[in-house]
């Protein structure tokens, strides 16, 4: 058994640590993404579980390409094959 003491967070503190609303925190808990514990009438989460949740949410480099257009294809689509069409103005 470990001598490390469990640090418990209430839902408001856990939500602030994650930078989310308590409603979103409850959704993460309900969907099974974040373990939580009911102690009487209150819900508590372990600080270590919150930290692990943060680490598991890390975005891997190169996985967000679908969120922004490819600058090469956008630029080449504007100019077309014949070069600068605005020169006649």
N, C-alpha and C. Protein backbone atom coordinates (compact mmCIF):
# COMPACT_ATOMS: atom_id res chain seq x y z
N UNK A 1 0.83 -1.18 0.00
CA UNK A 1 0.00 0.00 0.00
C UNK A 1 0.88 1.25 0.00
N UNK A 2 0.48 2.28 -0.70
CA UNK A 2 1.26 3.50 -0.84
C UNK A 2 1.01 4.44 0.34
N UNK A 3 2.05 5.19 0.71
CA UNK A 3 1.92 6.18 1.77
C UNK A 3 1.40 7.51 1.26
N UNK A 4 1.24 7.64 -0.06
CA UNK A 4 0.77 8.89 -0.64
C UNK A 4 -0.67 9.14 -0.22
N UNK A 5 -0.91 10.36 0.21
CA UNK A 5 -2.25 10.73 0.64
C UNK A 5 -3.06 11.17 -0.57
N UNK A 6 -4.32 10.77 -0.61
CA UNK A 6 -5.21 11.16 -1.70
C UNK A 6 -5.61 12.61 -1.49
N UNK A 7 -5.49 13.38 -2.58
CA UNK A 7 -5.97 14.77 -2.55
C UNK A 7 -7.30 14.79 -3.28
N UNK A 8 -8.37 15.12 -2.53
CA UNK A 8 -9.72 15.15 -3.10
C UNK A 8 -10.06 16.57 -3.53
N UNK A 9 -10.75 16.68 -4.67
CA UNK A 9 -11.22 17.97 -5.17
C UNK A 9 -12.73 17.95 -5.25
N UNK A 10 -13.36 19.07 -4.89
CA UNK A 10 -14.79 19.17 -5.13
C UNK A 10 -14.99 19.47 -6.62
N UNK A 11 -16.22 19.39 -7.08
CA UNK A 11 -16.46 19.52 -8.52
C UNK A 11 -16.11 20.92 -9.04
N UNK A 12 -16.34 21.94 -8.22
CA UNK A 12 -16.02 23.29 -8.66
C UNK A 12 -14.51 23.46 -8.86
N UNK A 13 -13.74 22.98 -7.92
CA UNK A 13 -12.27 23.08 -8.02
C UNK A 13 -11.74 22.24 -9.17
N UNK A 14 -12.28 21.04 -9.35
CA UNK A 14 -11.86 20.18 -10.45
C UNK A 14 -12.17 20.83 -11.79
N UNK A 15 -13.35 21.41 -11.91
CA UNK A 15 -13.73 22.08 -13.16
C UNK A 15 -12.81 23.25 -13.44
N UNK A 16 -12.49 24.04 -12.43
CA UNK A 16 -11.58 25.17 -12.61
C UNK A 16 -10.19 24.68 -13.03
N UNK A 17 -9.72 23.60 -12.43
CA UNK A 17 -8.41 23.04 -12.78
C UNK A 17 -8.37 22.62 -14.25
N UNK A 18 -9.50 22.12 -14.74
CA UNK A 18 -9.60 21.69 -16.14
C UNK A 18 -9.95 22.84 -17.08
N UNK A 19 -10.39 23.97 -16.54
CA UNK A 19 -10.79 25.10 -17.38
C UNK A 19 -12.12 24.88 -18.07
N UNK A 20 -13.02 24.17 -17.40
CA UNK A 20 -14.33 23.86 -17.97
C UNK A 20 -15.41 24.22 -16.96
N UNK A 21 -16.65 24.15 -17.39
CA UNK A 21 -17.77 24.39 -16.47
C UNK A 21 -18.04 23.12 -15.67
N UNK A 22 -18.74 23.27 -14.56
CA UNK A 22 -19.10 22.07 -13.77
C UNK A 22 -20.04 21.18 -14.57
N UNK A 23 -20.87 21.76 -15.41
CA UNK A 23 -21.77 20.96 -16.25
C UNK A 23 -20.97 20.04 -17.17
N UNK A 24 -19.91 20.57 -17.78
CA UNK A 24 -19.06 19.75 -18.64
C UNK A 24 -18.34 18.69 -17.82
N UNK A 25 -17.91 19.04 -16.61
CA UNK A 25 -17.27 18.07 -15.73
C UNK A 25 -18.23 16.92 -15.44
N UNK A 26 -19.48 17.23 -15.11
CA UNK A 26 -20.47 16.18 -14.85
C UNK A 26 -20.66 15.29 -16.08
N UNK A 27 -20.61 15.87 -17.27
CA UNK A 27 -20.74 15.09 -18.50
C UNK A 27 -19.56 14.13 -18.64
N UNK A 28 -18.34 14.62 -18.40
CA UNK A 28 -17.16 13.75 -18.47
C UNK A 28 -17.28 12.61 -17.47
N UNK A 29 -17.76 12.91 -16.27
CA UNK A 29 -17.94 11.88 -15.24
C UNK A 29 -19.00 10.89 -15.69
N UNK A 30 -20.13 11.38 -16.16
CA UNK A 30 -21.25 10.52 -16.56
C UNK A 30 -20.89 9.61 -17.74
N UNK A 31 -20.04 10.12 -18.66
CA UNK A 31 -19.63 9.34 -19.83
C UNK A 31 -18.49 8.38 -19.51
N UNK A 32 -17.96 8.44 -18.28
CA UNK A 32 -16.90 7.52 -17.87
C UNK A 32 -15.50 8.00 -18.17
N UNK A 33 -15.36 9.22 -18.63
CA UNK A 33 -14.04 9.75 -18.95
C UNK A 33 -13.23 10.17 -17.75
N UNK A 34 -13.91 10.49 -16.66
CA UNK A 34 -13.24 10.94 -15.45
C UNK A 34 -13.87 10.23 -14.25
N UNK A 35 -13.09 9.45 -13.52
CA UNK A 35 -13.64 8.76 -12.34
C UNK A 35 -14.05 9.77 -11.26
N UNK A 36 -15.13 9.48 -10.59
CA UNK A 36 -15.61 10.34 -9.50
C UNK A 36 -16.21 9.45 -8.42
N UNK A 37 -16.37 10.04 -7.24
CA UNK A 37 -16.83 9.28 -6.08
C UNK A 37 -17.90 10.08 -5.35
N UNK A 38 -18.98 9.40 -5.00
CA UNK A 38 -20.04 10.04 -4.22
C UNK A 38 -19.78 9.75 -2.75
N UNK A 39 -19.68 10.81 -1.98
CA UNK A 39 -19.46 10.69 -0.54
C UNK A 39 -20.62 11.39 0.15
N UNK A 40 -21.60 10.60 0.47
CA UNK A 40 -22.83 11.18 1.01
C UNK A 40 -23.55 11.92 -0.10
N UNK A 41 -23.74 13.20 0.09
CA UNK A 41 -24.46 14.00 -0.91
C UNK A 41 -23.52 14.76 -1.85
N UNK A 42 -22.22 14.59 -1.69
CA UNK A 42 -21.28 15.35 -2.52
C UNK A 42 -20.51 14.43 -3.45
N UNK A 43 -20.03 15.00 -4.53
CA UNK A 43 -19.21 14.27 -5.49
C UNK A 43 -17.79 14.81 -5.38
N UNK A 44 -16.82 13.90 -5.32
CA UNK A 44 -15.41 14.27 -5.24
C UNK A 44 -14.64 13.54 -6.33
N UNK A 45 -13.57 14.16 -6.78
CA UNK A 45 -12.66 13.54 -7.74
C UNK A 45 -11.25 13.62 -7.16
N UNK A 46 -10.45 12.65 -7.51
CA UNK A 46 -9.06 12.65 -7.06
C UNK A 46 -8.25 13.60 -7.95
N UNK A 47 -7.39 14.38 -7.32
CA UNK A 47 -6.53 15.28 -8.09
C UNK A 47 -5.68 14.49 -9.09
N UNK A 48 -5.21 13.32 -8.68
CA UNK A 48 -4.40 12.48 -9.57
C UNK A 48 -5.21 12.04 -10.79
N UNK A 49 -6.51 11.78 -10.62
CA UNK A 49 -7.36 11.40 -11.76
C UNK A 49 -7.57 12.59 -12.70
N UNK A 50 -7.70 13.78 -12.13
CA UNK A 50 -7.83 14.99 -12.96
C UNK A 50 -6.55 15.20 -13.76
N UNK A 51 -5.40 15.06 -13.10
CA UNK A 51 -4.12 15.22 -13.80
C UNK A 51 -3.95 14.17 -14.90
N UNK A 52 -4.36 12.93 -14.62
CA UNK A 52 -4.28 11.88 -15.64
C UNK A 52 -5.22 12.17 -16.80
N UNK A 53 -6.41 12.72 -16.50
CA UNK A 53 -7.36 13.08 -17.55
C UNK A 53 -6.77 14.17 -18.44
N UNK A 54 -6.10 15.14 -17.83
CA UNK A 54 -5.45 16.20 -18.60
C UNK A 54 -4.42 15.60 -19.55
N UNK A 55 -3.58 14.73 -19.03
CA UNK A 55 -2.54 14.11 -19.87
C UNK A 55 -3.13 13.25 -20.98
N UNK A 56 -4.21 12.55 -20.68
CA UNK A 56 -4.83 11.69 -21.70
C UNK A 56 -5.52 12.50 -22.79
N UNK A 57 -5.76 13.78 -22.53
CA UNK A 57 -6.43 14.64 -23.50
C UNK A 57 -5.45 15.39 -24.40
N UNK A 58 -4.18 15.11 -24.23
CA UNK A 58 -3.15 15.80 -25.01
C UNK A 58 -3.33 15.50 -26.49
N UNK A 59 -3.21 16.54 -27.29
CA UNK A 59 -3.37 16.41 -28.74
C UNK A 59 -2.01 16.06 -29.35
N UNK A 60 -1.98 15.01 -30.13
CA UNK A 60 -0.76 14.61 -30.81
C UNK A 60 -0.50 15.53 -32.00
N UNK A 61 0.75 15.94 -32.20
CA UNK A 61 1.07 16.78 -33.37
C UNK A 61 0.65 16.11 -34.67
N UNK A 62 0.16 16.91 -35.57
CA UNK A 62 -0.24 16.41 -36.88
C UNK A 62 -1.64 15.86 -36.97
N UNK A 63 -2.44 15.99 -35.91
CA UNK A 63 -3.78 15.41 -35.93
C UNK A 63 -4.89 16.46 -36.12
N UNK A 64 -4.53 17.72 -36.31
CA UNK A 64 -5.55 18.77 -36.44
C UNK A 64 -5.67 19.34 -37.85
N UNK A 65 -5.07 18.68 -38.82
CA UNK A 65 -5.10 19.18 -40.18
C UNK A 65 -6.50 19.36 -40.73
N UNK A 66 -7.45 18.59 -40.24
CA UNK A 66 -8.83 18.70 -40.72
C UNK A 66 -9.51 19.98 -40.25
N UNK A 67 -8.90 20.72 -39.32
CA UNK A 67 -9.53 21.92 -38.77
C UNK A 67 -9.18 23.20 -39.52
N UNK A 68 -8.22 23.14 -40.42
CA UNK A 68 -7.84 24.33 -41.18
C UNK A 68 -7.50 23.92 -42.61
N UNK A 69 -7.78 24.83 -43.55
CA UNK A 69 -7.54 24.49 -44.96
C UNK A 69 -6.05 24.44 -45.28
N UNK A 70 -5.70 23.66 -46.27
CA UNK A 70 -4.32 23.57 -46.74
C UNK A 70 -3.98 24.86 -47.49
N UNK A 71 -3.02 25.66 -47.02
CA UNK A 71 -2.74 26.96 -47.65
C UNK A 71 -2.24 26.83 -49.08
N UNK A 72 -1.61 25.73 -49.44
CA UNK A 72 -1.12 25.54 -50.80
C UNK A 72 -2.28 25.38 -51.77
N UNK A 73 -3.27 24.55 -51.42
CA UNK A 73 -4.38 24.31 -52.32
C UNK A 73 -5.30 25.52 -52.41
N UNK A 74 -5.44 26.31 -51.34
CA UNK A 74 -6.28 27.50 -51.38
C UNK A 74 -5.64 28.55 -52.28
N UNK A 75 -4.34 28.76 -52.13
CA UNK A 75 -3.64 29.76 -52.94
C UNK A 75 -3.62 29.41 -54.41
N UNK A 76 -3.38 28.15 -54.74
CA UNK A 76 -3.32 27.75 -56.14
C UNK A 76 -4.71 27.77 -56.78
N UNK A 77 -5.76 27.58 -56.01
CA UNK A 77 -7.12 27.61 -56.55
C UNK A 77 -7.51 29.04 -56.91
N UNK A 78 -7.02 30.03 -56.16
CA UNK A 78 -7.34 31.42 -56.43
C UNK A 78 -6.68 31.92 -57.70
N UNK A 79 -5.45 31.50 -57.98
CA UNK A 79 -4.71 32.02 -59.13
C UNK A 79 -5.05 31.30 -60.42
N UNK A 80 -5.47 30.06 -60.33
CA UNK A 80 -5.79 29.31 -61.53
C UNK A 80 -4.54 28.96 -62.31
N UNK A 81 -4.68 28.49 -63.53
CA UNK A 81 -3.57 28.03 -64.35
C UNK A 81 -2.90 29.16 -65.10
N UNK A 82 -3.61 30.27 -65.33
CA UNK A 82 -3.09 31.31 -66.22
C UNK A 82 -2.36 32.42 -65.48
N UNK A 83 -2.11 32.30 -64.20
CA UNK A 83 -1.36 33.32 -63.48
C UNK A 83 -2.25 34.41 -62.97
N UNK A 84 -1.81 35.69 -63.08
CA UNK A 84 -2.50 36.82 -62.49
C UNK A 84 -3.55 37.35 -63.45
N UNK A 85 -4.81 37.04 -63.20
CA UNK A 85 -5.91 37.46 -64.07
C UNK A 85 -6.31 38.89 -63.78
N UNK A 86 -5.88 39.51 -62.68
CA UNK A 86 -6.26 40.89 -62.33
C UNK A 86 -5.40 41.92 -63.05
N UNK A 87 -4.44 41.55 -63.87
CA UNK A 87 -3.53 42.49 -64.50
C UNK A 87 -4.24 43.41 -65.50
N UNK A 88 -5.40 43.03 -66.00
CA UNK A 88 -6.11 43.83 -67.00
C UNK A 88 -6.80 45.04 -66.39
N UNK A 89 -7.03 45.11 -65.10
CA UNK A 89 -7.78 46.18 -64.47
C UNK A 89 -7.19 47.53 -64.70
